Protein backbone atom coordinates (compact mmCIF):
# COMPACT_ATOMS: atom_id res chain seq x y z
CA MET A 1 -7.58 -24.85 28.50
CA ALA A 2 -5.59 -23.29 26.11
CA ARG A 3 -6.55 -21.41 23.06
CA MET A 4 -6.48 -23.89 20.03
CA ILE A 5 -5.31 -22.13 16.51
CA ASP A 6 -7.72 -23.53 13.82
CA GLY A 7 -8.09 -21.82 10.38
CA GLU A 8 -10.51 -19.18 11.43
CA ALA A 9 -8.36 -18.01 14.22
CA TYR A 10 -5.13 -18.54 11.97
CA LYS A 11 -6.54 -16.41 9.38
CA GLU A 12 -7.31 -13.84 11.72
CA MET A 13 -3.64 -13.68 12.97
CA ILE A 14 -2.60 -13.09 9.27
CA LEU A 15 -5.33 -10.69 8.91
CA ALA A 16 -3.82 -8.58 12.36
CA ALA A 17 -0.54 -9.20 10.96
CA ALA A 18 -1.48 -7.43 7.56
CA ALA A 19 -2.93 -4.54 9.33
CA ALA A 20 -0.30 -3.83 11.96
CA VAL A 21 2.52 -3.37 9.38
CA ALA A 22 0.13 -1.00 6.89
CA ASP A 23 -0.71 0.97 10.26
CA ARG A 24 3.51 1.39 10.87
CA VAL A 25 4.57 1.49 6.99
CA GLU A 26 6.14 4.67 7.09
CA GLU A 27 8.09 3.92 10.55
CA VAL A 28 9.58 0.63 8.60
CA ASN A 29 10.44 3.29 5.95
CA ALA A 30 12.10 5.40 7.81
CA LEU A 31 14.49 3.09 9.38
CA ASN A 32 16.25 2.13 5.40
CA VAL A 33 19.56 3.52 6.29
CA PHE A 34 20.39 5.17 2.84
CA PRO A 35 18.41 8.57 2.76
CA VAL A 36 17.25 8.41 -0.96
CA PRO A 37 13.51 8.58 -1.60
CA ASP A 38 13.03 4.48 -1.94
CA GLY A 39 13.19 3.53 1.27
CA ASP A 40 10.22 1.24 0.48
CA THR A 41 10.84 -1.80 3.32
CA GLY A 42 7.61 -1.55 4.85
CA THR A 43 5.67 -1.15 1.46
CA ASN A 44 7.12 -4.09 0.43
CA MET A 45 5.86 -5.79 3.46
CA SER A 46 2.94 -4.35 3.84
CA MET A 47 1.57 -4.66 0.05
CA THR A 48 3.06 -8.48 0.36
CA LEU A 49 0.91 -9.31 3.22
CA ASN A 50 -1.95 -7.14 1.88
CA ASN A 51 -2.16 -9.76 -1.05
CA ALA A 52 -2.56 -12.87 1.26
CA ALA A 53 -5.62 -10.82 3.41
CA GLU A 54 -7.40 -10.39 0.16
CA GLN A 55 -7.12 -14.35 -0.70
CA LEU A 56 -7.95 -15.05 2.92
CA ASN A 57 -11.08 -13.03 3.13
CA LYS A 58 -12.45 -14.97 0.38
CA LEU A 59 -12.69 -17.52 2.61
CA GLU A 60 -15.05 -18.91 4.76
CA SER A 61 -14.18 -21.05 7.51
CA PRO A 62 -11.39 -22.65 6.25
CA THR A 63 -9.29 -25.60 7.74
CA LEU A 64 -6.29 -24.28 9.44
CA GLY A 65 -4.55 -26.51 6.27
CA ARG A 66 -6.66 -24.39 3.64
CA ALA A 67 -5.67 -21.17 5.57
CA LEU A 68 -1.70 -22.33 5.52
CA GLU A 69 -2.02 -23.07 1.62
CA VAL A 70 -3.90 -19.84 0.96
CA THR A 71 -1.56 -17.65 2.88
CA SER A 72 1.55 -19.53 1.63
CA SER A 73 0.47 -19.04 -2.13
CA ALA A 74 -0.60 -15.42 -1.69
CA LEU A 75 2.72 -14.27 -0.03
CA LEU A 76 4.49 -16.06 -2.47
CA ARG A 77 2.69 -14.48 -5.58
CA GLY A 78 2.30 -11.19 -3.82
CA ALA A 79 6.37 -10.86 -2.76
CA ARG A 80 7.16 -7.36 -3.59
CA GLY A 81 11.10 -6.36 -2.72
CA ASN A 82 13.52 -8.34 -1.57
CA SER A 83 11.94 -7.70 2.58
CA GLY A 84 8.64 -8.85 0.62
CA VAL A 85 10.53 -11.91 -0.72
CA ILE A 86 11.21 -12.80 2.65
CA THR A 87 8.57 -12.83 4.33
CA SER A 88 7.17 -15.11 2.18
CA LEU A 89 9.45 -17.27 2.47
CA LEU A 90 8.81 -17.36 6.77
CA PHE A 91 5.49 -17.87 6.02
CA ARG A 92 6.47 -20.80 3.28
CA GLY A 93 7.84 -22.45 6.46
CA ILE A 94 5.54 -21.96 8.96
CA ALA A 95 2.85 -23.41 6.90
CA LYS A 96 5.37 -26.42 6.12
CA GLY A 97 6.42 -26.92 9.79
CA MET A 98 2.50 -26.77 11.05
CA LYS A 99 0.61 -28.45 7.65
CA ASP A 100 0.08 -31.67 9.25
CA ALA A 101 -1.86 -29.90 11.92
CA ARG A 102 -5.53 -29.73 12.08
CA THR A 103 -5.55 -27.47 14.72
CA ALA A 104 -2.15 -26.15 16.31
CA ASP A 105 -0.92 -25.55 19.73
CA GLY A 106 1.92 -23.66 21.27
CA ALA A 107 4.33 -26.37 20.08
CA VAL A 108 2.93 -26.87 16.50
CA LEU A 109 3.69 -23.03 16.11
CA ALA A 110 7.17 -22.87 17.68
CA GLU A 111 7.97 -25.29 14.97
CA GLY A 112 6.09 -23.49 12.78
CA LEU A 113 7.76 -20.41 13.32
CA LYS A 114 11.47 -22.24 13.71
CA GLU A 115 10.82 -23.72 10.40
CA GLY A 116 10.33 -20.11 8.62
CA ALA A 117 13.22 -19.12 9.53
CA ALA A 118 15.12 -22.29 8.49
CA THR A 119 13.38 -21.57 5.38
CA ALA A 120 14.35 -18.08 4.81
CA TYR A 121 18.11 -18.93 6.13
CA LYS A 122 18.32 -21.74 3.01
CA ALA A 123 16.64 -20.02 0.23
CA VAL A 124 18.66 -16.69 0.64
CA MET A 125 22.26 -17.14 -1.21
CA LYS A 126 24.00 -15.14 1.29
CA PRO A 127 22.44 -14.36 4.35
CA ALA A 128 23.58 -11.77 6.79
CA GLU A 129 22.79 -11.59 10.71
CA GLY A 130 21.76 -8.28 11.50
CA THR A 131 18.62 -8.63 9.54
CA ILE A 132 15.03 -9.80 9.60
CA LEU A 133 16.71 -13.70 9.03
CA THR A 134 18.40 -13.19 12.43
CA VAL A 135 16.07 -11.84 14.67
CA ALA A 136 13.04 -14.48 12.62
CA ARG A 137 15.85 -17.17 13.94
CA ILE A 138 15.91 -15.98 17.20
CA ALA A 139 12.37 -16.02 17.84
CA GLY A 140 11.89 -19.35 16.28
CA ASP A 141 14.23 -20.62 18.73
CA ALA A 142 12.63 -18.81 21.55
CA ALA A 143 9.34 -20.12 20.99
CA VAL A 144 10.35 -24.28 20.92
CA LYS A 145 12.08 -23.18 23.58
CA ALA A 146 8.67 -21.84 25.32
CA ALA A 147 6.74 -25.10 24.18
CA LYS A 148 8.79 -27.44 26.25
CA LYS A 149 7.05 -25.47 29.59
CA THR A 150 3.59 -24.65 28.11
CA ARG A 151 1.32 -25.92 24.64
CA ASP A 152 -0.92 -22.63 24.99
CA PRO A 153 0.40 -20.89 22.02
CA GLU A 154 -0.37 -17.11 22.94
CA ALA A 155 1.92 -17.96 25.46
CA VAL A 156 4.56 -19.23 23.10
CA LEU A 157 4.00 -16.44 20.81
CA GLY A 158 4.85 -14.06 23.58
CA ALA A 159 7.97 -15.35 24.25
CA ALA A 160 8.81 -15.58 20.74
CA ILE A 161 7.85 -11.97 20.76
CA LYS A 162 9.95 -11.03 23.58
CA SER A 163 12.98 -12.40 21.94
CA ALA A 164 12.39 -11.01 18.27
CA LYS A 165 12.45 -7.49 20.68
CA LYS A 166 15.85 -7.96 21.90
CA ALA A 167 17.21 -9.55 18.57
CA LEU A 168 15.78 -6.50 16.87
CA ASP A 169 17.87 -4.33 19.50
CA GLU A 170 21.00 -5.96 18.88
CA THR A 171 20.72 -5.94 14.50
CA VAL A 172 22.20 -2.18 14.92
CA ASN A 173 24.90 -3.83 17.12
CA GLN A 174 25.48 -6.74 14.63
CA ASN A 175 25.40 -4.32 11.06
CA PRO A 176 28.00 -2.07 10.65
CA VAL A 177 26.19 0.17 7.97
CA LEU A 178 23.43 0.18 11.07
CA LYS A 179 25.22 0.98 13.35
CA LYS A 180 26.74 4.03 11.46
CA ALA A 181 23.62 4.93 11.13
CA GLY A 182 22.53 4.51 14.86
CA VAL A 183 19.30 2.39 13.89
CA VAL A 184 17.79 -1.49 13.94
CA ASP A 185 17.29 -3.39 10.59
CA ALA A 186 14.37 -2.33 8.85
CA GLY A 187 12.67 -5.87 7.61
CA GLY A 188 13.66 -6.99 11.77
CA TYR A 189 10.96 -4.27 12.59
CA GLY A 190 8.48 -5.16 10.09
CA TYR A 191 8.47 -8.78 11.48
CA LEU A 192 8.21 -8.01 15.10
CA LEU A 193 5.11 -6.21 14.34
CA ILE A 194 4.09 -9.21 12.18
CA LEU A 195 4.48 -10.90 15.21
CA GLN A 196 2.60 -8.55 17.58
CA GLY A 197 -0.57 -8.54 15.00
CA MET A 198 -0.47 -12.08 15.49
CA GLN A 199 -0.46 -12.79 19.25
CA ASP A 200 -3.29 -9.14 18.98
CA ALA A 201 -5.45 -11.83 17.08
CA LEU A 202 -4.97 -14.93 18.97
CA SER A 203 -5.60 -12.93 22.43
CA GLY A 204 -8.38 -10.85 20.91
CA THR A 205 -7.38 -7.35 21.62
CA ILE A 206 -8.14 -7.39 17.83
CA THR A 207 -11.25 -9.25 16.66
CA ARG A 208 -12.74 -9.64 13.31
CA LEU A 209 -10.13 -8.18 10.82
CA ALA A 210 -11.78 -9.74 7.48
CA ARG A 211 -11.51 -6.94 6.13
CA LYS A 212 -9.31 -5.50 3.00
CA ILE A 213 -6.59 -3.57 4.50
CA PRO A 214 -5.47 -0.59 2.65
CA VAL A 215 -2.57 -0.07 1.56
CA PRO A 216 -1.39 1.68 -2.14
CA VAL A 217 -1.54 -0.91 -4.79
CA ILE A 218 1.28 -0.88 -8.53
CA ASN A 219 -0.32 -1.04 -11.87
CA PRO A 220 1.88 -3.11 -13.37
CA ALA A 221 2.54 -2.15 -17.02
CA VAL A 222 1.50 -6.08 -18.36
CA THR A 223 -2.39 -6.82 -17.53
CA VAL A 224 -4.39 -10.09 -17.69
CA ASP A 225 -8.29 -10.24 -17.56
CA SER A 226 -9.89 -13.09 -16.08
CA ALA A 227 -11.17 -15.71 -18.51
CA ASP A 228 -15.17 -15.89 -19.04
CA PHE A 229 -16.16 -19.72 -18.26
CA SER A 230 -19.44 -18.65 -20.27
CA SER A 231 -18.15 -17.53 -23.46
CA PHE A 232 -16.79 -21.41 -24.12
CA ASP A 233 -18.91 -24.10 -25.69
CA GLU A 234 -19.05 -27.68 -24.21
CA GLY A 235 -17.71 -28.92 -27.49
CA GLU A 236 -14.79 -26.89 -26.91
CA ILE A 237 -13.40 -28.73 -23.93
CA ASN A 238 -11.35 -31.65 -25.24
CA PHE A 239 -11.17 -33.85 -22.19
CA ASP A 240 -13.29 -33.96 -19.05
CA TYR A 241 -11.45 -34.10 -15.75
CA CYS A 242 -9.35 -30.77 -14.40
CA THR A 243 -6.67 -32.79 -12.66
CA GLU A 244 -4.76 -30.99 -10.09
CA PHE A 245 -2.34 -32.61 -7.15
CA ILE A 246 0.81 -31.93 -5.30
CA ALA A 247 3.20 -34.51 -4.65
CA ALA A 248 5.74 -35.01 -2.03
CA ARG A 249 9.73 -34.94 -3.40
CA GLU A 250 11.11 -38.51 -1.87
CA THR A 251 12.75 -39.86 -4.96
CA ASP A 252 15.13 -38.50 -7.58
CA LYS A 253 12.93 -38.88 -10.37
CA ASP A 254 13.07 -36.07 -12.39
CA PRO A 255 9.98 -34.27 -13.00
CA GLU A 256 10.78 -33.49 -16.44
CA ASP A 257 9.90 -37.11 -17.31
CA LEU A 258 6.13 -36.10 -15.71
CA ARG A 259 6.17 -33.25 -17.87
CA GLN A 260 6.52 -35.85 -21.20
CA PHE A 261 4.17 -38.31 -20.31
CA LEU A 262 0.93 -35.86 -19.08
CA PRO A 263 0.76 -34.65 -22.88
CA THR A 264 -0.14 -37.99 -23.96
CA ILE A 265 -3.30 -38.27 -21.80
CA GLY A 266 -4.25 -34.95 -21.78
CA ASP A 267 -3.00 -31.36 -22.64
CA CYS A 268 -3.13 -27.69 -20.77
CA VAL A 269 -0.37 -29.55 -18.71
CA VAL A 270 1.69 -27.22 -16.04
CA VAL A 271 4.21 -28.90 -14.02
CA VAL A 272 6.00 -26.51 -11.21
CA GLU A 273 8.37 -27.82 -8.60
CA ASP A 274 10.85 -27.10 -6.23
CA ASP A 275 12.75 -29.15 -4.18
CA GLU A 276 10.18 -30.62 -1.76
CA ILE A 277 6.95 -30.78 -4.02
CA VAL A 278 5.94 -31.59 -7.52
CA LYS A 279 2.56 -29.11 -8.35
CA VAL A 280 1.04 -30.33 -11.44
CA HIS A 281 -2.44 -29.18 -13.34
CA VAL A 282 -3.83 -31.16 -16.38
CA HIS A 283 -6.99 -31.34 -18.47
CA THR A 284 -8.04 -35.45 -18.79
CA ASN A 285 -10.26 -38.43 -19.14
CA GLU A 286 -7.86 -40.58 -17.16
CA PRO A 287 -6.65 -38.58 -14.16
CA HIS A 288 -6.38 -42.32 -12.45
CA LEU A 289 -3.23 -42.49 -15.00
CA ALA A 290 -1.84 -38.62 -14.37
CA LEU A 291 -2.05 -39.56 -10.27
CA GLY A 292 -0.76 -43.30 -10.91
CA GLU A 293 2.42 -41.09 -12.42
CA ALA A 294 2.96 -38.85 -9.69
CA LEU A 295 3.07 -41.37 -7.12
CA LYS A 296 6.48 -42.36 -8.53
CA TYR A 297 7.76 -39.20 -6.79
CA GLY A 298 6.22 -39.66 -3.53
CA GLN A 299 2.93 -39.19 -1.51
CA LEU A 300 0.51 -37.25 -2.33
CA ILE A 301 0.05 -34.13 -0.41
CA THR A 302 -3.45 -32.93 -1.87
CA VAL A 303 -5.78 -33.93 -4.62
CA LYS A 304 -8.52 -31.81 -6.56
CA ILE A 305 -10.21 -33.52 -9.61
CA GLU A 306 -13.29 -31.36 -11.20
CA ASN A 307 -15.77 -32.23 -13.98
CA MET A 308 -15.19 -29.65 -16.22
CA VAL A 309 -18.03 -30.50 -18.42
CA GLU A 310 -20.45 -30.23 -15.20
CA GLN A 311 -18.91 -27.00 -14.36
CA HIS A 312 -19.53 -25.08 -17.58
CA ARG A 313 -23.17 -26.15 -16.79
CA LYS A 314 -23.27 -24.91 -13.52
CA ILE A 315 -21.20 -21.62 -14.20
CA VAL A 316 -18.89 -22.58 -11.64
CA SER A 317 -15.59 -21.32 -11.92
CA GLU A 318 -13.67 -22.47 -7.75
CA GLU A 319 -10.35 -20.49 -7.47
CA THR A 320 -7.49 -22.57 -7.02
CA GLU A 321 -3.89 -22.45 -5.74
CA ALA A 322 -2.11 -22.33 -9.21
CA ASN A 323 -5.35 -20.05 -10.90
CA MET A 324 -5.02 -21.94 -14.13
CA GLY A 325 -8.54 -20.45 -15.48
CA LYS A 326 -7.25 -17.13 -14.98
CA ARG A 327 -3.24 -17.06 -16.20
CA GLU A 328 -2.68 -16.49 -20.04
CA TYR A 329 -0.02 -18.51 -21.96
CA ALA A 330 1.88 -17.61 -25.04
CA ALA A 331 2.98 -20.10 -27.15
CA PRO A 332 6.36 -20.03 -27.64
CA VAL A 333 6.96 -19.38 -31.24
CA THR A 334 10.65 -18.30 -31.11
CA ARG A 335 13.74 -19.45 -28.82
CA TYR A 336 14.45 -16.85 -26.86
CA GLY A 337 12.38 -13.88 -24.91
CA PHE A 338 12.64 -11.27 -22.63
CA VAL A 339 11.17 -9.01 -20.16
CA SER A 340 12.49 -5.97 -18.33
CA VAL A 341 11.59 -4.35 -15.21
CA ALA A 342 11.75 -0.43 -15.84
CA ALA A 343 9.94 3.03 -14.83
CA GLY A 344 9.74 5.98 -17.24
CA GLU A 345 8.01 6.10 -20.73
CA GLY A 346 11.25 6.44 -22.24
CA VAL A 347 13.10 3.68 -20.50
CA MET A 348 10.36 1.29 -21.06
CA ASN A 349 10.17 2.40 -24.70
CA LEU A 350 13.83 1.46 -25.44
CA PHE A 351 13.21 -1.56 -23.90
CA ARG A 352 10.93 -2.68 -26.12
CA GLU A 353 13.26 -1.26 -29.14
CA LEU A 354 15.83 -3.32 -27.57
CA GLY A 355 13.81 -6.26 -28.14
CA ALA A 356 11.88 -6.86 -24.66
CA ASP A 357 8.60 -8.71 -25.32
CA ASN A 358 7.18 -7.27 -22.53
CA VAL A 359 8.66 -4.74 -19.73
CA VAL A 360 7.28 -4.81 -16.32
CA GLY A 361 6.16 -1.34 -14.86
CA GLY A 362 8.39 -0.65 -12.04
CA GLY A 363 11.94 -0.01 -10.16
CA GLN A 364 12.94 2.09 -7.49
CA THR A 365 9.98 3.46 -5.15
CA MET A 366 7.36 0.59 -6.60
CA ASN A 367 8.79 -3.31 -6.93
CA PRO A 368 6.70 -5.00 -8.83
CA SER A 369 5.64 -8.41 -7.30
CA THR A 370 6.50 -12.39 -7.97
CA GLU A 371 2.79 -12.31 -10.02
CA ASP A 372 3.68 -9.18 -12.05
CA ILE A 373 6.82 -10.83 -13.36
CA LEU A 374 5.19 -14.35 -13.98
CA ARG A 375 2.52 -13.12 -15.66
CA ALA A 376 5.17 -11.23 -18.13
CA ILE A 377 6.94 -14.54 -18.60
CA ASP A 378 3.55 -16.31 -19.17
CA LEU A 379 2.74 -13.77 -21.92
CA THR A 380 6.52 -14.05 -23.70
CA PRO A 381 6.36 -16.37 -27.02
CA ALA A 382 9.32 -18.36 -25.90
CA GLU A 383 11.12 -21.48 -25.18
CA ILE A 384 13.67 -19.47 -22.92
CA VAL A 385 12.61 -16.33 -21.37
CA PHE A 386 15.58 -13.87 -19.71
CA VAL A 387 14.29 -11.74 -16.98
CA LEU A 388 16.35 -8.14 -16.49
CA PRO A 389 15.01 -7.16 -12.72
CA ASN A 390 17.50 -3.72 -13.48
CA ASN A 391 17.17 -2.96 -9.63
CA LYS A 392 19.06 -5.09 -6.69
CA ASN A 393 15.54 -5.10 -4.68
CA ILE A 394 13.50 -6.91 -6.96
CA ILE A 395 16.16 -9.86 -8.28
CA MET A 396 14.55 -12.21 -5.55
CA ALA A 397 11.39 -11.44 -7.15
CA GLY A 398 12.04 -12.59 -10.46
CA GLN A 399 13.63 -15.92 -9.00
CA GLN A 400 11.15 -16.47 -7.67
CA ALA A 401 8.78 -16.24 -10.75
CA ALA A 402 11.26 -18.29 -13.01
CA ALA A 403 10.34 -20.74 -9.87
CA LEU A 404 6.99 -20.78 -10.75
CA SER A 405 6.61 -20.50 -14.55
CA ASP A 406 6.42 -23.64 -16.33
CA LYS A 407 9.07 -22.55 -18.69
CA GLN A 408 12.73 -22.51 -18.79
CA VAL A 409 13.81 -18.70 -17.19
CA VAL A 410 16.53 -16.99 -16.84
CA VAL A 411 16.91 -14.51 -14.48
CA LEU A 412 20.29 -12.21 -14.84
CA GLY A 413 21.20 -10.04 -12.02
CA THR A 414 20.85 -6.86 -13.47
CA LYS A 415 20.78 -4.62 -10.78
CA THR A 416 20.51 -1.06 -12.62
CA ILE A 417 19.28 0.22 -16.04
CA PRO A 418 22.52 0.75 -17.71
CA GLN A 419 22.87 -2.83 -16.66
CA GLY A 420 19.94 -4.13 -18.33
CA ILE A 421 20.54 -2.05 -21.46
CA CYS A 422 23.81 -3.44 -22.35
CA ALA A 423 22.79 -6.92 -21.11
CA MET A 424 20.24 -6.89 -24.34
CA LEU A 425 22.55 -4.92 -26.62
CA SER A 426 25.31 -7.74 -25.92
CA PHE A 427 22.53 -10.57 -26.85
CA ASP A 428 22.89 -12.53 -30.21
CA HIS A 429 20.21 -14.93 -31.80
CA ASP A 430 22.05 -17.33 -33.28
CA LEU A 431 24.18 -17.94 -30.24
CA GLU A 432 23.37 -20.93 -27.77
CA LEU A 433 21.92 -20.14 -23.85
CA GLU A 434 25.33 -20.00 -22.23
CA ALA A 435 27.38 -18.43 -24.96
CA ASN A 436 24.76 -15.83 -24.50
CA VAL A 437 24.42 -15.56 -20.57
CA GLN A 438 28.61 -15.41 -21.02
CA ALA A 439 28.26 -12.56 -23.38
CA MET A 440 25.47 -11.16 -21.50
CA GLU A 441 27.65 -11.37 -17.73
CA ALA A 442 30.57 -10.10 -19.26
CA ALA A 443 28.81 -7.17 -20.41
CA ILE A 444 27.05 -6.23 -17.28
CA GLU A 445 30.31 -6.59 -15.25
CA ALA A 446 31.84 -4.15 -18.09
CA VAL A 447 29.75 -1.19 -17.77
CA LYS A 448 29.66 1.59 -15.09
CA SER A 449 26.62 2.40 -13.83
CA GLY A 450 25.65 6.02 -11.60
CA SER A 451 22.59 8.23 -10.91
CA ILE A 452 21.36 11.16 -9.31
CA THR A 453 18.95 11.84 -6.95
CA TYR A 454 17.88 14.02 -3.68
CA ALA A 455 17.89 12.96 -0.33
CA ALA A 456 14.44 12.15 1.23
CA ARG A 457 15.36 13.08 4.68
CA ASP A 458 18.38 14.34 6.24
CA SER A 459 21.00 12.14 7.72
CA GLU A 460 24.84 11.44 8.35
CA PHE A 461 26.06 8.64 6.35
CA ASP A 462 29.50 7.24 5.51
CA GLY A 463 30.92 10.40 7.05
CA MET A 464 28.75 12.60 4.96
CA HIS A 465 26.21 15.18 6.35
CA ILE A 466 22.98 15.17 4.17
CA GLU A 467 20.24 17.87 4.51
CA GLU A 468 16.86 16.54 3.28
CA GLY A 469 16.66 18.10 -0.90
CA ASP A 470 20.52 18.06 -1.38
CA HIS A 471 21.51 16.15 -4.76
CA MET A 472 23.18 13.13 -4.56
CA ALA A 473 25.45 11.35 -6.91
CA LEU A 474 25.76 7.68 -6.66
CA MET A 475 27.92 5.31 -8.10
CA GLU A 476 27.36 1.35 -8.89
CA GLY A 477 24.72 2.01 -6.14
CA LYS A 478 26.65 3.51 -3.73
CA LEU A 479 26.98 7.25 -2.39
CA LEU A 480 29.61 9.22 -4.02
CA GLU A 481 28.98 12.79 -3.80
CA THR A 482 26.28 15.25 -2.39
CA GLY A 483 25.80 18.50 -2.15
CA LYS A 484 22.93 21.43 -2.67
CA ASP A 485 25.27 22.44 -6.40
CA PHE A 486 23.59 20.40 -8.63
CA PHE A 487 26.42 20.57 -11.44
CA ALA A 488 29.05 20.28 -8.45
CA VAL A 489 27.63 17.00 -7.75
CA MET A 490 27.57 16.08 -11.51
CA GLU A 491 30.77 16.82 -12.29
CA ALA A 492 31.98 14.96 -9.08
CA LEU A 493 30.06 12.02 -10.74
CA ALA A 494 31.39 12.82 -14.36
CA LYS A 495 35.13 12.87 -12.55
CA ALA A 496 34.71 9.20 -11.08
CA MET A 497 33.15 7.35 -13.72
CA CYS A 498 35.14 8.54 -16.66
CA LYS A 499 38.42 8.00 -14.69
CA ASP A 500 39.66 5.01 -16.72
CA GLU A 501 39.06 4.85 -20.47
CA CYS A 502 35.68 5.17 -21.65
CA ASN A 503 34.16 5.01 -25.27
CA PHE A 504 30.60 5.14 -24.83
CA ILE A 505 28.17 7.37 -22.35
CA THR A 506 24.53 7.03 -22.29
CA ILE A 507 22.69 9.57 -20.31
CA ILE A 508 19.08 9.14 -19.39
CA HIS A 509 17.37 11.94 -18.13
CA GLY A 510 13.88 11.82 -16.05
CA GLU A 511 11.50 14.14 -13.66
CA GLY A 512 12.95 17.01 -12.85
CA ALA A 513 15.15 17.33 -15.16
CA ASP A 514 14.72 19.14 -18.96
CA GLU A 515 16.71 19.56 -22.31
CA GLU A 516 18.82 22.77 -21.16
CA GLN A 517 20.00 20.86 -17.95
CA ALA A 518 20.46 17.73 -19.96
CA ASP A 519 22.90 19.66 -22.58
CA LYS A 520 24.69 21.08 -19.95
CA VAL A 521 25.27 17.45 -18.10
CA ARG A 522 26.23 16.05 -21.90
CA GLU A 523 29.06 19.03 -21.76
CA ILE A 524 30.57 17.90 -18.08
CA PHE A 525 30.74 14.35 -19.59
CA GLN A 526 32.21 15.15 -23.06
CA ASN A 527 34.88 17.02 -20.91
CA ALA A 528 35.48 14.15 -18.46
CA SER A 529 35.84 11.76 -21.50
CA GLY A 530 37.54 13.45 -24.07
CA ASP A 531 36.20 11.76 -27.30
CA ALA A 532 33.67 9.33 -26.15
CA GLU A 533 30.69 8.85 -27.74
CA ILE A 534 27.81 10.11 -26.01
CA ASN A 535 23.73 9.82 -26.29
CA VAL A 536 21.31 11.60 -24.12
CA LEU A 537 17.87 10.23 -23.83
CA CYS A 538 14.87 10.93 -22.62
CA GLY A 539 13.74 8.53 -20.28
CA GLY A 540 10.81 9.95 -18.16
CA GLN A 541 11.83 7.41 -15.25
CA PRO A 542 10.96 8.92 -11.88
CA VAL A 543 12.86 9.54 -8.47
CA TYR A 544 16.47 9.69 -10.42
CA SER A 545 16.69 12.68 -12.68
CA TYR A 546 19.38 11.05 -14.46
CA LEU A 547 20.88 7.62 -15.09
CA ILE A 548 24.20 7.36 -16.73
CA SER A 549 25.85 4.27 -18.21
CA VAL A 550 29.71 4.50 -19.06
CA GLU A 551 31.37 1.69 -21.27
């Protein structure tokens, strides 16, 4: 008889998947085409999966539904970089496809894999073929086809893996950039490792992986301590029942109505919604009224009601998906606030001086998680919070954090530090939201961004021969010039960036640069620009010795 997947089996499958990716992080990173030292697809996927592994390790004999829920939630909050966010979306879809099963056979697993790919495709604004999305879609289709012949989940997963391998090999021909480099897609390879790890656990090749997976940890600039429940007196609890539930969105009723209603019967209200569900947390003496209002949106998927006074007496604190007891909020005292992502003490201080309420440590090689950004949003005392990712690989995590927050959040598409700086400089507290967004987006479009870094390995890229350690000039994220002579590379960048009229230039030097060199860089840009106003700042940023903006 074919083995069925229960909660414990699914837990082991995810732990094995996390271990499989952790063991080959550098292999995945090495597939990143661009030879800059921030090829971190493997690192991001591993750290994202590790967050789920840590949460699952806390569960003893979970039901399948609970294991699916914890995995989906942990991946969502722990997602780092675009590859991590897409991984979380894949498993969110898997959870959706398998949510009604107490145990899963091959057919249920196949439905989950197919739904995972569909969910990820829907969430990505411009899905490209020859990526992890392609590999996941073809694997899901193969699983569904196999499930028509067998209900054995191991056999179904094997069919998915076989097709995923073929799809991965084909990515080199689907993506022009991959074809030039002669490599397969890094994210697709990471997903194949995930599937193989899951199969190893299911088949018994790997057993009892209930352990913490060792991966590097990023320490965010914003930290929040856990709540100390023992410090509260029972008299400080205004309402007896902590009520949490998830309601399906089966009607067109606006969740804003729920946000307006719940404060009339309680406090500590949090309402988070997406296209499919509404999640609610409220402290109230009348949980039946909250549940009754929720039923106007659709069926209740989960309900949890706990007596907080009794909890206090027993000194028991249970973790929940929302983990509300450990989240800290800053009540709005102003209309607008800013959260920025940056690396380097000088750059971080610059954003603070420009008005950022919270700066999350991160950038190239160290993408912050969705949870890191959400924590910073929570701690920003404003009604409307602007998020500046300042890196194309952090935008999706910012968008996920915005969806989880109960505040109004606007994620600006800043892909570079100069774009983030210009966006903040164009902000006006007296303008309405739409006018401010338009002004900041115009500023982002107007600024030219350049940078200098080094080659992490030998490579042939875009017709250029690149050797490890070569200086590399990038303009708008694209390779412009490379070579061993630093000043020759910098002169090529200055000429390209100052080709058109320019009035203001900002040069931010980081690790590997000194004041003497920075003065020479100023001269190079002064000669290229004429009489442009130039500011030179010490940013201290890693990886990129120079960040340059031209306006």
